């Protein structure tokens, strides 16, 4: 994982695929649901953090101009 929002998106879809796996039942399914809830909480924090970074970069663009602002790797695909 390179730690971009694109990577997070891929990870979330992989988690969704695991939850949709019909071969997972019983305790294994319960564990996967717990894991999914944990991933969701962490993903929400990452997304909120990225939003703060994005808002700061927008302010920099407004004050410094587009050519003087570097987009963080986290916000790349």
N, C-alpha and C. Protein backbone atom coordinates (compact mmCIF):
# COMPACT_ATOMS: atom_id res chain seq x y z
N UNK A 1 0.84 -1.18 0.00
CA UNK A 1 0.00 0.00 0.00
C UNK A 1 0.88 1.25 0.00
N UNK A 2 0.57 2.18 -0.88
CA UNK A 2 1.33 3.43 -0.97
C UNK A 2 0.70 4.53 -0.13
N UNK A 3 -0.44 4.24 0.47
CA UNK A 3 -1.11 5.19 1.35
C UNK A 3 -1.73 6.39 0.62
N UNK A 4 -2.39 6.12 -0.47
CA UNK A 4 -3.16 7.15 -1.16
C UNK A 4 -4.64 6.85 -0.98
N UNK A 5 -5.47 7.81 -1.34
CA UNK A 5 -6.91 7.57 -1.25
C UNK A 5 -7.35 6.50 -2.24
N UNK A 6 -6.65 6.38 -3.35
CA UNK A 6 -6.93 5.30 -4.30
C UNK A 6 -6.66 3.94 -3.68
N UNK A 7 -5.57 3.85 -2.92
CA UNK A 7 -5.26 2.60 -2.21
C UNK A 7 -6.33 2.28 -1.18
N UNK A 8 -6.77 3.32 -0.47
CA UNK A 8 -7.83 3.12 0.53
C UNK A 8 -9.09 2.62 -0.15
N UNK A 9 -9.43 3.20 -1.27
CA UNK A 9 -10.62 2.78 -2.02
C UNK A 9 -10.51 1.30 -2.42
N UNK A 10 -9.35 0.90 -2.90
CA UNK A 10 -9.14 -0.51 -3.27
C UNK A 10 -9.28 -1.42 -2.06
N UNK A 11 -8.73 -0.98 -0.94
CA UNK A 11 -8.81 -1.78 0.29
C UNK A 11 -10.26 -1.92 0.75
N UNK A 12 -11.03 -0.85 0.65
CA UNK A 12 -12.44 -0.90 1.06
C UNK A 12 -13.24 -1.84 0.16
N UNK A 13 -12.96 -1.82 -1.13
CA UNK A 13 -13.67 -2.74 -2.03
C UNK A 13 -13.26 -4.19 -1.77
N UNK A 14 -12.00 -4.41 -1.42
CA UNK A 14 -11.56 -5.77 -1.07
C UNK A 14 -12.29 -6.25 0.18
N UNK A 15 -12.46 -5.35 1.15
CA UNK A 15 -13.20 -5.70 2.36
C UNK A 15 -14.65 -6.03 2.02
N UNK A 16 -15.24 -5.25 1.14
CA UNK A 16 -16.62 -5.50 0.71
C UNK A 16 -16.74 -6.87 0.04
N UNK A 17 -15.76 -7.22 -0.79
CA UNK A 17 -15.77 -8.53 -1.44
C UNK A 17 -15.70 -9.66 -0.41
N UNK A 18 -14.88 -9.47 0.63
CA UNK A 18 -14.79 -10.50 1.68
C UNK A 18 -16.13 -10.65 2.39
N UNK A 19 -16.81 -9.55 2.64
CA UNK A 19 -18.11 -9.61 3.31
C UNK A 19 -19.17 -10.28 2.42
N UNK A 20 -19.01 -10.15 1.11
CA UNK A 20 -19.97 -10.74 0.18
C UNK A 20 -19.66 -12.20 -0.16
N UNK A 21 -18.56 -12.72 0.36
CA UNK A 21 -18.16 -14.10 0.08
C UNK A 21 -19.15 -15.05 0.76
N UNK A 22 -19.90 -15.79 -0.04
CA UNK A 22 -20.92 -16.69 0.49
C UNK A 22 -20.33 -17.90 1.21
N UNK A 23 -19.04 -18.15 1.03
CA UNK A 23 -18.39 -19.28 1.71
C UNK A 23 -18.05 -18.96 3.17
N UNK A 24 -18.10 -17.68 3.52
CA UNK A 24 -17.80 -17.28 4.90
C UNK A 24 -19.09 -17.30 5.71
N UNK A 25 -19.09 -18.09 6.77
CA UNK A 25 -20.28 -18.20 7.63
C UNK A 25 -19.86 -18.27 9.09
N UNK A 26 -20.84 -18.23 9.96
CA UNK A 26 -20.62 -18.43 11.39
C UNK A 26 -19.62 -17.48 12.01
N UNK A 27 -18.71 -18.06 12.79
CA UNK A 27 -17.71 -17.27 13.52
C UNK A 27 -16.81 -16.48 12.57
N UNK A 28 -16.46 -17.11 11.46
CA UNK A 28 -15.59 -16.44 10.49
C UNK A 28 -16.28 -15.18 9.96
N UNK A 29 -17.58 -15.26 9.70
CA UNK A 29 -18.33 -14.10 9.23
C UNK A 29 -18.40 -13.03 10.32
N UNK A 30 -18.63 -13.44 11.55
CA UNK A 30 -18.67 -12.48 12.66
C UNK A 30 -17.34 -11.74 12.79
N UNK A 31 -16.25 -12.48 12.67
CA UNK A 31 -14.92 -11.86 12.74
C UNK A 31 -14.71 -10.88 11.59
N UNK A 32 -15.19 -11.26 10.41
CA UNK A 32 -15.05 -10.38 9.24
C UNK A 32 -15.87 -9.11 9.42
N UNK A 33 -17.04 -9.22 10.02
CA UNK A 33 -17.88 -8.05 10.29
C UNK A 33 -17.19 -7.12 11.29
N UNK A 34 -16.60 -7.68 12.32
CA UNK A 34 -15.87 -6.87 13.30
C UNK A 34 -14.70 -6.17 12.62
N UNK A 35 -13.98 -6.90 11.78
CA UNK A 35 -12.86 -6.32 11.03
C UNK A 35 -13.35 -5.20 10.12
N UNK A 36 -14.48 -5.41 9.46
CA UNK A 36 -15.03 -4.40 8.55
C UNK A 36 -15.40 -3.13 9.31
N UNK A 37 -15.96 -3.29 10.51
CA UNK A 37 -16.30 -2.11 11.32
C UNK A 37 -15.04 -1.35 11.71
N UNK A 38 -13.99 -2.07 12.06
CA UNK A 38 -12.72 -1.42 12.40
C UNK A 38 -12.14 -0.69 11.19
N UNK A 39 -12.17 -1.33 10.04
CA UNK A 39 -11.66 -0.72 8.82
C UNK A 39 -12.47 0.53 8.48
N UNK A 40 -13.78 0.46 8.66
CA UNK A 40 -14.65 1.61 8.39
C UNK A 40 -14.29 2.79 9.27
N UNK A 41 -14.06 2.54 10.55
CA UNK A 41 -13.68 3.61 11.46
C UNK A 41 -12.37 4.26 11.08
N UNK A 42 -11.39 3.44 10.76
CA UNK A 42 -10.08 3.97 10.36
C UNK A 42 -10.20 4.71 9.04
N UNK A 43 -10.94 4.15 8.09
CA UNK A 43 -11.11 4.78 6.78
C UNK A 43 -11.77 6.15 6.93
N UNK A 44 -12.74 6.25 7.82
CA UNK A 44 -13.41 7.54 8.05
C UNK A 44 -12.43 8.59 8.54
N UNK A 45 -11.54 8.19 9.44
CA UNK A 45 -10.53 9.12 9.95
C UNK A 45 -9.57 9.55 8.84
N UNK A 46 -9.17 8.60 8.00
CA UNK A 46 -8.27 8.91 6.89
C UNK A 46 -8.95 9.88 5.93
N UNK A 47 -10.21 9.65 5.63
CA UNK A 47 -10.95 10.52 4.72
C UNK A 47 -11.10 11.91 5.32
N UNK A 48 -11.42 12.00 6.61
CA UNK A 48 -11.52 13.30 7.27
C UNK A 48 -10.19 14.04 7.23
N UNK A 49 -9.10 13.32 7.46
CA UNK A 49 -7.77 13.91 7.40
C UNK A 49 -7.48 14.43 5.99
N UNK A 50 -7.81 13.64 4.99
CA UNK A 50 -7.58 14.05 3.61
C UNK A 50 -8.41 15.29 3.27
N UNK A 51 -9.62 15.39 3.81
CA UNK A 51 -10.46 16.56 3.58
C UNK A 51 -9.82 17.82 4.17
N UNK A 52 -9.25 17.70 5.36
CA UNK A 52 -8.56 18.84 5.97
C UNK A 52 -7.37 19.26 5.10
N UNK A 53 -6.61 18.28 4.64
CA UNK A 53 -5.47 18.58 3.76
C UNK A 53 -5.94 19.25 2.48
N UNK A 54 -7.01 18.74 1.89
CA UNK A 54 -7.54 19.31 0.66
C UNK A 54 -7.99 20.76 0.87
N UNK A 55 -8.68 21.03 1.96
CA UNK A 55 -9.12 22.40 2.25
C UNK A 55 -7.92 23.33 2.42
N UNK A 56 -6.87 22.85 3.08
CA UNK A 56 -5.66 23.66 3.25
C UNK A 56 -5.00 23.93 1.90
N UNK A 57 -4.96 22.93 1.04
CA UNK A 57 -4.36 23.12 -0.29
C UNK A 57 -5.18 24.09 -1.13
N UNK A 58 -6.50 24.04 -1.01
CA UNK A 58 -7.35 25.00 -1.73
C UNK A 58 -7.04 26.42 -1.28
N UNK A 59 -6.86 26.61 0.01
CA UNK A 59 -6.51 27.93 0.54
C UNK A 59 -5.15 28.37 0.02
N UNK A 60 -4.20 27.45 -0.04
CA UNK A 60 -2.89 27.78 -0.59
C UNK A 60 -2.99 28.19 -2.05
N UNK A 61 -3.81 27.49 -2.83
CA UNK A 61 -3.98 27.84 -4.24
C UNK A 61 -4.56 29.24 -4.36
N UNK A 62 -5.55 29.56 -3.52
CA UNK A 62 -6.16 30.89 -3.56
C UNK A 62 -5.17 31.99 -3.21
N UNK A 63 -4.27 31.72 -2.27
CA UNK A 63 -3.36 32.77 -1.81
C UNK A 63 -2.01 32.77 -2.54
N UNK A 64 -1.51 31.61 -2.91
CA UNK A 64 -0.19 31.51 -3.52
C UNK A 64 -0.23 31.28 -5.03
N UNK A 65 -1.36 30.83 -5.53
CA UNK A 65 -1.46 30.49 -6.94
C UNK A 65 -1.22 29.01 -7.17
N UNK A 66 -1.84 28.50 -8.19
CA UNK A 66 -1.80 27.06 -8.49
C UNK A 66 -0.39 26.53 -8.71
N UNK A 67 0.47 27.32 -9.35
CA UNK A 67 1.82 26.85 -9.68
C UNK A 67 2.70 26.67 -8.45
N UNK A 68 2.32 27.26 -7.33
CA UNK A 68 3.15 27.21 -6.12
C UNK A 68 2.68 26.18 -5.10
N UNK A 69 1.76 25.31 -5.50
CA UNK A 69 1.20 24.34 -4.56
C UNK A 69 1.45 22.93 -5.08
N UNK A 70 1.95 22.08 -4.21
CA UNK A 70 2.21 20.68 -4.54
C UNK A 70 1.11 19.83 -3.90
N UNK A 71 0.50 18.97 -4.69
CA UNK A 71 -0.54 18.09 -4.18
C UNK A 71 0.12 16.93 -3.42
N UNK A 72 -0.29 16.69 -2.19
CA UNK A 72 0.30 15.59 -1.42
C UNK A 72 0.03 14.23 -2.07
N UNK A 73 0.96 13.30 -1.91
CA UNK A 73 0.81 11.95 -2.46
C UNK A 73 -0.48 11.29 -1.98
N UNK A 74 -0.87 11.57 -0.75
CA UNK A 74 -2.08 10.97 -0.17
C UNK A 74 -3.31 11.23 -1.03
N UNK A 75 -3.36 12.40 -1.68
CA UNK A 75 -4.53 12.78 -2.46
C UNK A 75 -4.49 12.27 -3.89
N UNK A 76 -3.41 11.60 -4.27
CA UNK A 76 -3.31 11.06 -5.62
C UNK A 76 -4.10 9.76 -5.73
N UNK A 77 -4.38 9.38 -6.97
CA UNK A 77 -5.07 8.10 -7.22
C UNK A 77 -4.20 6.93 -6.91
